[in-house]
Structures are given as C-alpha cells and as structure tokens.
N, C-alpha and C. Protein backbone atom coordinates (compact mmCIF):
# COMPACT_ATOMS: atom_id res chain seq x y z
N UNK A 1 -11.62 28.76 30.39
CA UNK A 1 -11.78 28.12 29.75
C UNK A 1 -11.39 28.99 28.70
N UNK A 2 -11.23 28.73 27.34
CA UNK A 2 -11.30 28.78 26.43
C UNK A 2 -11.53 28.20 25.21
N UNK A 3 -11.71 29.08 24.08
CA UNK A 3 -12.86 28.13 23.15
C UNK A 3 -11.76 28.61 21.94
N UNK A 4 -11.45 26.99 21.21
CA UNK A 4 -10.15 26.64 20.73
C UNK A 4 -10.75 26.15 18.99
N UNK A 5 -10.08 26.14 17.70
CA UNK A 5 -9.95 25.40 16.61
C UNK A 5 -9.07 24.88 15.57
N UNK A 6 -9.19 25.10 15.12
CA UNK A 6 -7.45 24.32 14.32
C UNK A 6 -7.94 24.54 13.07
N UNK A 7 -7.39 23.83 11.74
CA UNK A 7 -6.85 25.08 10.66
C UNK A 7 -8.20 23.56 10.01
N UNK A 8 -9.33 22.56 10.39
CA UNK A 8 -10.82 22.25 9.78
C UNK A 8 -11.63 22.53 9.69
N UNK A 9 -11.40 23.82 11.04
CA UNK A 9 -11.88 24.33 11.97
C UNK A 9 -13.28 23.74 12.42
N UNK A 10 -12.74 23.36 13.65
CA UNK A 10 -13.62 22.07 14.65
C UNK A 10 -12.91 22.84 15.52
N UNK A 11 -14.36 23.16 15.90
CA UNK A 11 -14.81 23.79 17.29
C UNK A 11 -14.90 23.56 18.57
N UNK A 12 -13.45 23.86 19.45
CA UNK A 12 -14.18 23.41 21.11
C UNK A 12 -13.49 24.11 22.24
N UNK A 13 -13.49 23.59 23.39
CA UNK A 13 -13.20 24.32 24.77
C UNK A 13 -11.76 22.75 25.29
N UNK A 14 -11.05 24.54 25.83
CA UNK A 14 -10.03 23.30 26.12
C UNK A 14 -10.36 23.85 28.11
N UNK A 15 -9.45 23.63 28.88
CA UNK A 15 -9.82 23.95 30.37
C UNK A 15 -8.72 24.44 29.95
N UNK A 16 -7.66 25.36 31.43
CA UNK A 16 -6.37 24.80 31.84
C UNK A 16 -5.90 26.18 32.57
N UNK A 17 -5.05 26.23 33.65
CA UNK A 17 -4.95 26.67 34.88
C UNK A 17 -4.73 28.28 34.96
N UNK A 18 -4.02 27.81 33.78
CA UNK A 18 -3.69 30.07 32.56
C UNK A 18 -3.27 29.62 31.40
N UNK A 19 -2.60 31.12 31.30
CA UNK A 19 -2.30 30.88 30.18
C UNK A 19 -0.60 30.37 29.61
N UNK A 20 -0.26 30.93 30.65
CA UNK A 20 0.56 30.20 30.49
C UNK A 20 0.75 28.92 31.00
N UNK A 21 -0.40 28.15 31.36
CA UNK A 21 -0.55 26.48 31.16
C UNK A 21 -0.86 25.98 29.86
N UNK A 22 -1.60 27.05 29.24
CA UNK A 22 -2.49 27.01 27.78
C UNK A 22 -0.89 26.84 26.60
N UNK A 23 -0.19 27.95 26.94
CA UNK A 23 0.88 28.10 26.03
C UNK A 23 1.85 27.12 25.97
N UNK A 24 2.13 26.70 27.33
CA UNK A 24 2.81 25.39 27.83
C UNK A 24 2.63 24.21 26.86
N UNK A 25 1.27 23.48 27.19
CA UNK A 25 0.53 23.21 26.59
C UNK A 25 0.43 22.37 24.77
N UNK A 26 -0.09 23.56 25.32
CA UNK A 26 0.27 24.06 23.27
C UNK A 26 1.45 24.03 22.38
N UNK A 27 2.43 24.16 23.47
CA UNK A 27 3.73 24.51 21.96
C UNK A 27 4.64 22.59 22.14
N UNK A 28 3.68 21.98 23.42
CA UNK A 28 4.11 20.33 23.93
C UNK A 28 3.82 19.92 22.74
N UNK A 29 2.42 20.50 22.56
CA UNK A 29 1.77 18.70 21.56
C UNK A 29 0.46 18.32 21.96
N UNK A 30 0.43 18.94 23.55
CA UNK A 30 -0.49 18.07 24.36
C UNK A 30 -1.82 18.75 23.73
N UNK A 31 -1.92 20.00 23.41
CA UNK A 31 -3.01 20.25 22.72
C UNK A 31 -4.10 19.68 21.94
N UNK A 32 -4.80 19.14 21.13
CA UNK A 32 -4.95 19.09 20.25
C UNK A 32 -6.65 18.52 20.51
N UNK A 33 -7.10 18.71 18.26
CA UNK A 33 -8.18 18.76 18.88
C UNK A 33 -8.91 17.11 18.27
N UNK A 34 -9.70 17.29 19.26
CA UNK A 34 -10.91 15.84 19.22
C UNK A 34 -11.64 15.71 18.66
N UNK A 35 -11.84 15.94 16.77
CA UNK A 35 -12.06 15.76 15.38
C UNK A 35 -11.19 14.57 14.88
N UNK A 36 -10.10 15.32 14.81
CA UNK A 36 -9.09 14.80 13.98
C UNK A 36 -7.71 15.02 14.41
N UNK A 37 -7.16 15.29 15.71
CA UNK A 37 -6.03 14.82 16.48
C UNK A 37 -4.90 16.31 15.49
N UNK A 38 -5.57 16.67 15.24
CA UNK A 38 -4.53 18.49 14.76
C UNK A 38 -3.86 18.61 16.22
N UNK A 39 -2.21 19.14 15.73
CA UNK A 39 -2.40 19.40 17.31
C UNK A 39 -1.94 21.65 16.60
N UNK A 40 -2.38 21.59 15.10
CA UNK A 40 -2.49 23.46 15.13
C UNK A 40 -2.85 24.02 15.65
N UNK A 41 -3.88 24.54 16.93
CA UNK A 41 -4.79 24.39 17.90
C UNK A 41 -4.42 26.15 17.52
N UNK A 42 -5.79 26.57 17.65
CA UNK A 42 -5.70 28.62 17.62
C UNK A 42 -6.88 28.92 18.83
N UNK A 43 -7.15 29.88 19.60
CA UNK A 43 -7.71 30.39 20.49
C UNK A 43 -8.50 31.43 19.40
N UNK A 44 -9.54 31.04 20.21
CA UNK A 44 -10.19 32.14 19.10
C UNK A 44 -11.27 33.23 20.09
N UNK A 45 -11.79 33.74 19.36
CA UNK A 45 -11.38 35.25 20.67
C UNK A 45 -13.30 35.06 21.38
N UNK A 46 -13.43 35.00 22.35
CA UNK A 46 -14.45 35.30 23.42
C UNK A 46 -14.89 36.20 24.15
N UNK A 47 -15.78 36.74 24.61
CA UNK A 47 -16.50 36.83 24.64
C UNK A 47 -16.34 36.79 26.97
N UNK A 48 -16.79 38.37 27.25
CA UNK A 48 -15.83 37.63 29.03
C UNK A 48 -17.20 38.19 29.64
N UNK A 49 -17.26 37.00 31.04
CA UNK A 49 -18.95 37.10 31.49
C UNK A 49 -18.39 37.85 32.44
N UNK A 50 -20.07 38.57 31.89
CA UNK A 50 -19.65 40.23 33.06
C UNK A 50 -20.84 39.73 34.08
N UNK A 51 -20.33 40.26 35.33
CA UNK A 51 -21.90 39.98 36.61
C UNK A 51 -22.23 41.15 37.21
N UNK A 52 -22.78 41.31 36.32
CA UNK A 52 -23.28 42.93 37.58
C UNK A 52 -24.55 43.44 37.73
N UNK A 53 -25.34 42.47 38.28
CA UNK A 53 -25.91 41.92 39.62
C UNK A 53 -27.04 41.23 39.44
N UNK A 54 -27.40 41.21 40.24
CA UNK A 54 -28.45 40.10 39.41
C UNK A 54 -30.51 41.14 37.86
N UNK A 55 -30.17 40.57 37.32
CA UNK A 55 -30.94 41.42 36.56
C UNK A 55 -32.42 40.66 37.08
N UNK A 56 -33.63 41.97 36.64
CA UNK A 56 -34.61 41.18 36.42
C UNK A 56 -35.17 39.86 35.88
N UNK A 57 -35.53 39.79 35.70
CA UNK A 57 -35.89 38.43 34.69
C UNK A 57 -36.34 38.78 33.37
N UNK A 58 -36.46 39.11 32.26
CA UNK A 58 -37.75 39.17 31.34
C UNK A 58 -39.04 37.61 31.05
N UNK A 59 -40.02 38.40 30.66
CA UNK A 59 -40.94 38.04 30.88
C UNK A 59 -40.86 36.92 29.00
N UNK A 60 -40.60 35.63 29.47
CA UNK A 60 -41.57 34.63 28.67
C UNK A 60 -42.08 34.94 27.18
N UNK A 61 -41.48 35.43 26.52
CA UNK A 61 -41.98 34.93 25.00
C UNK A 61 -42.47 33.27 24.11
N UNK A 62 -43.89 33.68 24.57
CA UNK A 62 -44.22 32.06 23.40
C UNK A 62 -44.05 32.26 22.89
N UNK A 63 -42.98 31.26 21.42
CA UNK A 63 -42.88 31.54 20.17
C UNK A 63 -42.81 29.52 19.28
N UNK A 64 -43.58 29.25 18.27
CA UNK A 64 -44.07 28.38 17.97
C UNK A 64 -41.40 27.93 17.77
N UNK A 65 -41.70 26.73 18.81
CA UNK A 65 -40.96 25.41 18.23
C UNK A 65 -41.14 24.81 17.16
N UNK A 66 -39.76 24.71 16.02
CA UNK A 66 -39.65 24.00 15.19
C UNK A 66 -40.18 22.20 15.27
N UNK A 67 -40.97 21.74 14.72
CA UNK A 67 -40.57 20.61 14.23
C UNK A 67 -40.17 19.98 14.52
N UNK A 68 -38.38 19.82 13.75
CA UNK A 68 -37.10 19.22 13.19
C UNK A 68 -37.03 20.16 13.37
N UNK A 69 -35.43 20.27 14.13
CA UNK A 69 -34.60 21.11 14.25
C UNK A 69 -33.46 21.19 13.15
N UNK A 70 -32.97 21.61 12.21
CA UNK A 70 -32.72 22.12 10.59
C UNK A 70 -30.72 22.08 10.92
N UNK A 71 -30.08 20.60 11.28
CA UNK A 71 -28.78 20.41 11.80
C UNK A 71 -28.15 21.21 11.10
N UNK A 72 -28.09 21.63 9.34
CA UNK A 72 -27.54 22.26 8.72
C UNK A 72 -27.66 23.61 8.78
N UNK A 73 -28.70 24.95 9.34
CA UNK A 73 -29.64 25.87 9.72
C UNK A 73 -28.52 26.16 10.68
N UNK A 74 -27.39 25.06 12.01
CA UNK A 74 -28.34 25.22 13.42
C UNK A 74 -26.87 25.52 13.42
N UNK A 75 -25.75 25.63 12.50
CA UNK A 75 -24.49 25.73 11.85
C UNK A 75 -22.73 24.60 12.30
N UNK A 76 -21.83 25.03 12.24
CA UNK A 76 -20.48 24.60 12.89
C UNK A 76 -20.60 23.26 13.64
N UNK A 77 -21.60 23.85 15.17
CA UNK A 77 -20.75 23.33 15.77
C UNK A 77 -22.67 22.48 16.33
N UNK A 78 -23.10 22.61 15.40
CA UNK A 78 -24.52 22.09 15.34
C UNK A 78 -24.05 20.69 14.94
N UNK A 79 -23.70 20.89 13.52
CA UNK A 79 -23.19 19.60 12.48
C UNK A 79 -22.47 19.13 13.66
N UNK A 80 -21.12 19.27 14.02
CA UNK A 80 -20.47 18.82 15.00
C UNK A 80 -20.62 17.68 15.37
N UNK A 81 -21.66 18.17 16.40
CA UNK A 81 -22.01 17.26 17.66
C UNK A 81 -23.03 16.23 17.26
N UNK A 82 -23.76 16.91 16.09
CA UNK A 82 -24.85 15.49 15.12
C UNK A 82 -23.51 14.65 14.49
N UNK A 83 -22.66 14.80 14.61
CA UNK A 83 -21.67 14.41 13.61
C UNK A 83 -21.25 12.95 14.51
N UNK A 84 -20.76 13.66 15.43
CA UNK A 84 -20.06 12.79 16.75
C UNK A 84 -20.48 12.07 17.31
N UNK A 85 -22.68 12.38 17.31
CA UNK A 85 -22.83 11.19 17.95
C UNK A 85 -23.41 10.48 17.60
N UNK A 86 -23.13 10.63 16.13
CA UNK A 86 -23.06 9.72 15.03
C UNK A 86 -22.39 8.51 15.39
N UNK A 87 -21.11 8.18 14.98
CA UNK A 87 -20.06 7.82 15.08
C UNK A 87 -20.08 7.33 17.07
N UNK A 88 -20.47 7.73 17.64
CA UNK A 88 -21.17 7.00 19.15
C UNK A 88 -21.71 6.37 18.77
N UNK A 89 -22.98 6.05 18.44
CA UNK A 89 -23.71 5.56 17.96
C UNK A 89 -23.28 4.37 17.41
N UNK A 90 -22.67 4.28 16.27
CA UNK A 90 -22.05 3.54 15.41
C UNK A 90 -20.47 2.29 16.54
N UNK A 91 -20.01 3.66 17.11
CA UNK A 91 -19.15 2.73 17.50
C UNK A 91 -19.46 1.61 18.59
N UNK A 92 -20.73 2.46 19.29
CA UNK A 92 -21.50 1.51 20.59
C UNK A 92 -22.50 0.27 19.44
N UNK A 93 -22.82 0.48 18.25
CA UNK A 93 -23.69 -0.77 17.69
C UNK A 93 -23.21 -1.80 17.16
N UNK A 94 -21.45 -1.52 16.94
CA UNK A 94 -21.21 -3.07 16.01
C UNK A 94 -19.52 -3.29 15.97
N UNK A 95 -19.66 -3.95 15.84
CA UNK A 95 -18.33 -5.64 16.41
C UNK A 95 -16.83 -4.79 15.74
N UNK A 96 -15.78 -4.18 16.51
CA UNK A 96 -14.54 -3.37 15.40
C UNK A 96 -13.70 -4.90 15.06
N UNK A 97 -14.17 -5.15 14.09
CA UNK A 97 -13.04 -5.81 13.36
C UNK A 97 -12.07 -5.84 12.38
N UNK A 98 -11.48 -5.00 13.06
CA UNK A 98 -9.98 -4.16 12.34
C UNK A 98 -9.60 -3.92 11.63
N UNK A 99 -8.54 -4.87 11.50
CA UNK A 99 -7.28 -4.62 9.92
C UNK A 99 -8.56 -6.01 9.05
N UNK A 100 -9.84 -6.76 9.76
CA UNK A 100 -9.72 -8.18 8.35
C UNK A 100 -10.68 -7.13 7.97
N UNK A 101 -11.72 -5.83 8.38
CA UNK A 101 -12.96 -6.02 7.71
C UNK A 101 -13.73 -6.13 6.22
N UNK A 102 -12.27 -5.71 5.23
CA UNK A 102 -12.63 -6.24 3.72
C UNK A 102 -13.07 -7.98 3.90
N UNK A 103 -12.63 -8.69 4.32
CA UNK A 103 -12.82 -9.99 4.47
C UNK A 103 -13.44 -10.17 4.94
N UNK A 104 -14.18 -9.88 6.38
CA UNK A 104 -14.98 -9.61 7.24
C UNK A 104 -16.35 -9.51 6.54
N UNK A 105 -15.98 -8.47 4.78
CA UNK A 105 -17.60 -7.45 5.06
C UNK A 105 -17.65 -8.34 3.72
N UNK A 106 -16.68 -8.78 2.76
CA UNK A 106 -16.55 -10.07 1.51
C UNK A 106 -17.31 -11.59 2.36
N UNK A 107 -17.23 -11.79 3.69
CA UNK A 107 -17.71 -12.78 4.76
C UNK A 107 -19.04 -12.90 4.24
N UNK A 108 -19.55 -12.42 4.32
CA UNK A 108 -21.09 -11.89 5.31
C UNK A 108 -21.97 -11.73 4.39
N UNK A 109 -21.19 -10.68 2.86
CA UNK A 109 -21.96 -10.92 1.39
C UNK A 109 -22.60 -12.01 1.37
N UNK A 110 -21.23 -12.80 1.28
CA UNK A 110 -21.71 -13.79 0.05
C UNK A 110 -22.14 -14.69 1.29
N UNK A 111 -22.63 -14.64 2.87
CA UNK A 111 -22.79 -15.91 3.91
C UNK A 111 -22.88 -17.25 3.97
N UNK A 112 -20.99 -16.22 4.36
CA UNK A 112 -20.06 -17.02 5.38
C UNK A 112 -20.31 -17.26 6.30
N UNK A 113 -20.83 -15.72 6.83
CA UNK A 113 -20.42 -15.65 8.09
C UNK A 113 -21.79 -14.61 8.11
N UNK A 114 -22.08 -14.86 9.99
CA UNK A 114 -23.49 -14.22 9.96
C UNK A 114 -23.14 -13.24 10.17
N UNK A 115 -24.65 -12.58 9.54
CA UNK A 115 -24.91 -10.86 9.40
C UNK A 115 -24.51 -9.83 10.77
N UNK A 116 -23.74 -9.20 10.69
CA UNK A 116 -24.24 -8.37 12.20
C UNK A 116 -23.12 -7.11 11.30
N UNK A 117 -23.61 -6.31 11.86
CA UNK A 117 -22.86 -5.04 12.05
C UNK A 117 -21.06 -4.98 12.53
N UNK A 118 -20.51 -3.68 11.63
CA UNK A 118 -18.75 -4.20 11.32
C UNK A 118 -18.56 -3.30 10.97
N UNK A 119 -17.58 -2.74 11.57
CA UNK A 119 -16.59 -1.74 11.49
C UNK A 119 -14.93 -1.51 11.92
N UNK A 120 -14.25 -1.06 11.06
CA UNK A 120 -13.17 -1.87 10.78
C UNK A 120 -12.23 -1.41 9.78
N UNK A 121 -11.01 -0.98 9.48
CA UNK A 121 -9.92 -0.81 8.67
C UNK A 121 -9.94 -1.27 7.67
N UNK A 122 -10.01 -0.59 6.13
CA UNK A 122 -9.49 -1.52 4.70
C UNK A 122 -9.01 0.54 4.12
N UNK A 123 -7.52 -0.08 3.39
CA UNK A 123 -8.07 1.33 2.07
C UNK A 123 -8.40 1.25 1.28
N UNK A 124 -8.32 2.39 0.33
CA UNK A 124 -8.82 2.94 -0.08
C UNK A 124 -9.33 1.91 -1.73
N UNK A 125 -8.44 1.61 -1.71
CA UNK A 125 -8.87 0.28 -2.93
C UNK A 125 -9.27 -0.90 -2.61
N UNK A 126 -9.11 -0.81 -1.51
CA UNK A 126 -10.01 -2.10 -0.94
C UNK A 126 -11.29 -1.59 -0.66
N UNK A 127 -11.65 -1.12 -0.25
CA UNK A 127 -13.00 -0.27 0.01
C UNK A 127 -13.87 -0.04 -1.83
N UNK A 128 -13.16 0.64 -2.37
CA UNK A 128 -14.00 0.19 -3.69
C UNK A 128 -13.94 -0.96 -4.47
N UNK A 129 -12.76 -2.00 -4.44
CA UNK A 129 -12.87 -2.85 -4.72
C UNK A 129 -14.35 -3.61 -4.07
N UNK A 130 -14.93 -3.50 -2.71
CA UNK A 130 -16.07 -4.21 -2.19
C UNK A 130 -17.63 -2.94 -2.44
N UNK A 131 -16.82 -2.44 -3.11
CA UNK A 131 -18.19 -1.04 -3.75
C UNK A 131 -18.40 -1.94 -4.29
N UNK A 132 -17.76 -2.20 -5.55
CA UNK A 132 -17.66 -2.50 -7.23
C UNK A 132 -18.44 -4.24 -7.42
N UNK A 133 -18.09 -5.11 -5.82
CA UNK A 133 -18.78 -6.37 -5.68
C UNK A 133 -20.10 -5.99 -5.11
N UNK A 134 -20.74 -4.53 -4.93
CA UNK A 134 -21.58 -4.35 -4.46
C UNK A 134 -22.44 -5.05 -2.61
N UNK A 135 -21.12 -4.52 -2.63
CA UNK A 135 -20.91 -4.63 -0.59
C UNK A 135 -20.60 -3.48 -0.75
N UNK A 136 -22.17 -2.71 0.53
CA UNK A 136 -22.30 -1.87 1.15
C UNK A 136 -21.36 -1.53 2.11
N UNK A 137 -20.76 -0.43 2.05
CA UNK A 137 -19.29 0.13 3.13
C UNK A 137 -19.11 1.63 2.72
N UNK A 138 -18.76 2.30 4.13
CA UNK A 138 -18.94 3.83 4.26
C UNK A 138 -18.53 4.17 4.92
N UNK A 139 -17.09 4.75 4.37
CA UNK A 139 -16.47 4.86 4.65
C UNK A 139 -16.26 5.90 6.40
N UNK A 140 -16.05 5.97 7.47
CA UNK A 140 -16.57 6.52 8.41
C UNK A 140 -15.13 6.61 9.42
N UNK A 141 -14.60 8.22 9.10
CA UNK A 141 -13.14 8.19 10.08
C UNK A 141 -14.02 8.31 11.52
N UNK A 142 -12.92 8.20 11.79
CA UNK A 142 -13.51 7.63 13.52
C UNK A 142 -12.49 9.36 14.30
N UNK A 143 -12.98 9.84 15.35
CA UNK A 143 -11.91 11.19 15.17
C UNK A 143 -11.20 10.07 16.83
N UNK A 144 -9.50 9.84 16.57
CA UNK A 144 -8.46 9.97 17.92
C UNK A 144 -9.01 9.74 19.27
N UNK A 145 -9.60 10.75 19.71
CA UNK A 145 -10.15 10.97 21.29
C UNK A 145 -11.65 9.68 21.39
N UNK A 146 -12.24 9.61 20.53
CA UNK A 146 -13.18 8.51 20.70
C UNK A 146 -12.33 6.46 21.08
N UNK A 147 -11.26 6.96 20.37
CA UNK A 147 -11.07 5.96 20.09
C UNK A 147 -10.50 4.64 21.46
N UNK A 148 -10.47 5.38 21.61
CA UNK A 148 -9.37 5.22 24.35
C UNK A 148 -10.40 5.92 25.30
N UNK A 149 -9.75 5.75 25.30
CA UNK A 149 -10.72 6.09 27.04
C UNK A 149 -10.93 7.80 26.94
N UNK A 150 -12.02 7.71 27.41
CA UNK A 150 -11.67 9.50 27.45
C UNK A 150 -11.00 9.63 28.99
N UNK A 151 -10.59 10.91 28.86
CA UNK A 151 -10.38 11.35 30.54
C UNK A 151 -9.73 13.07 30.36
C-alpha cells in the first residue's frame, strides 16, 4: 500500500504488487486522484510497520470525548472524507438531469415542473443567471471516480 498525493494535495491510498507495477501504471497515466482525476501523482513518505512481537496492552485511560468532532480541526483527510460523504449523499438523493439543469431549475422555480432534488451541468454564465433570478443553486464538483462504477 502506498500513500499518494496529487498537486491539489488530495491524499489517497493505492495498492500495487510492487514498486515496478506502481511506476508502470503511473507512467501509463493509470494512477489518478479519485477526487479530481489528476494523473500527476506522487508518493508520500510512509512509516514502515514493524511487528516486533506482542506488546503488553496498555491500560486505557478514560478521556472525555467531544460531543461533536470539528472536521476542520481534524485535518485535510477528515475534511476530504466529509466532503465525499456529502457528495455521495447528494448523488443518492437527487435526479441527474444532465445538460438540462438550468432549464429544469427554472421550470421548478416558476411552478412548471414538480419540485425535487436535481443535479446536472451548467456553465458559469447559466449558474450566474439562475442566481440573479433568485433560483438557489450550488456548484458541486463531483469526483470522476463517483460518476461511474467504482472498481
């Protein structure tokens, strides 16, 4: 297992048979960030796991747990995981209307279509026009890996 990172500092894991397999796949453009699809991936340093025998279990000290974990304080990996969870939720609970997004959002806003959760593609200009009309939209980039079947 390798710890990998893209230029946008998205951190993820990759499993390869050996270093040669990793290098071959990297040079072929087969290794890409699951968040943004960037293929300019680098290996991060990782500590080796040394199994030096069974250690005696340490007694656990009871510490009060916070009522709510602050994702921002937990670091980039926790923020990335929370964002992916939110994107998966949106995808599971919305209808993909594709390129018809702006038209469908307008139809719903003006009562010409049933209101429901939708997602799709819109240009920056279409998004700005929707917002100026008072139609609430939120640009949400969806990672390439979530757009199709995960292998």
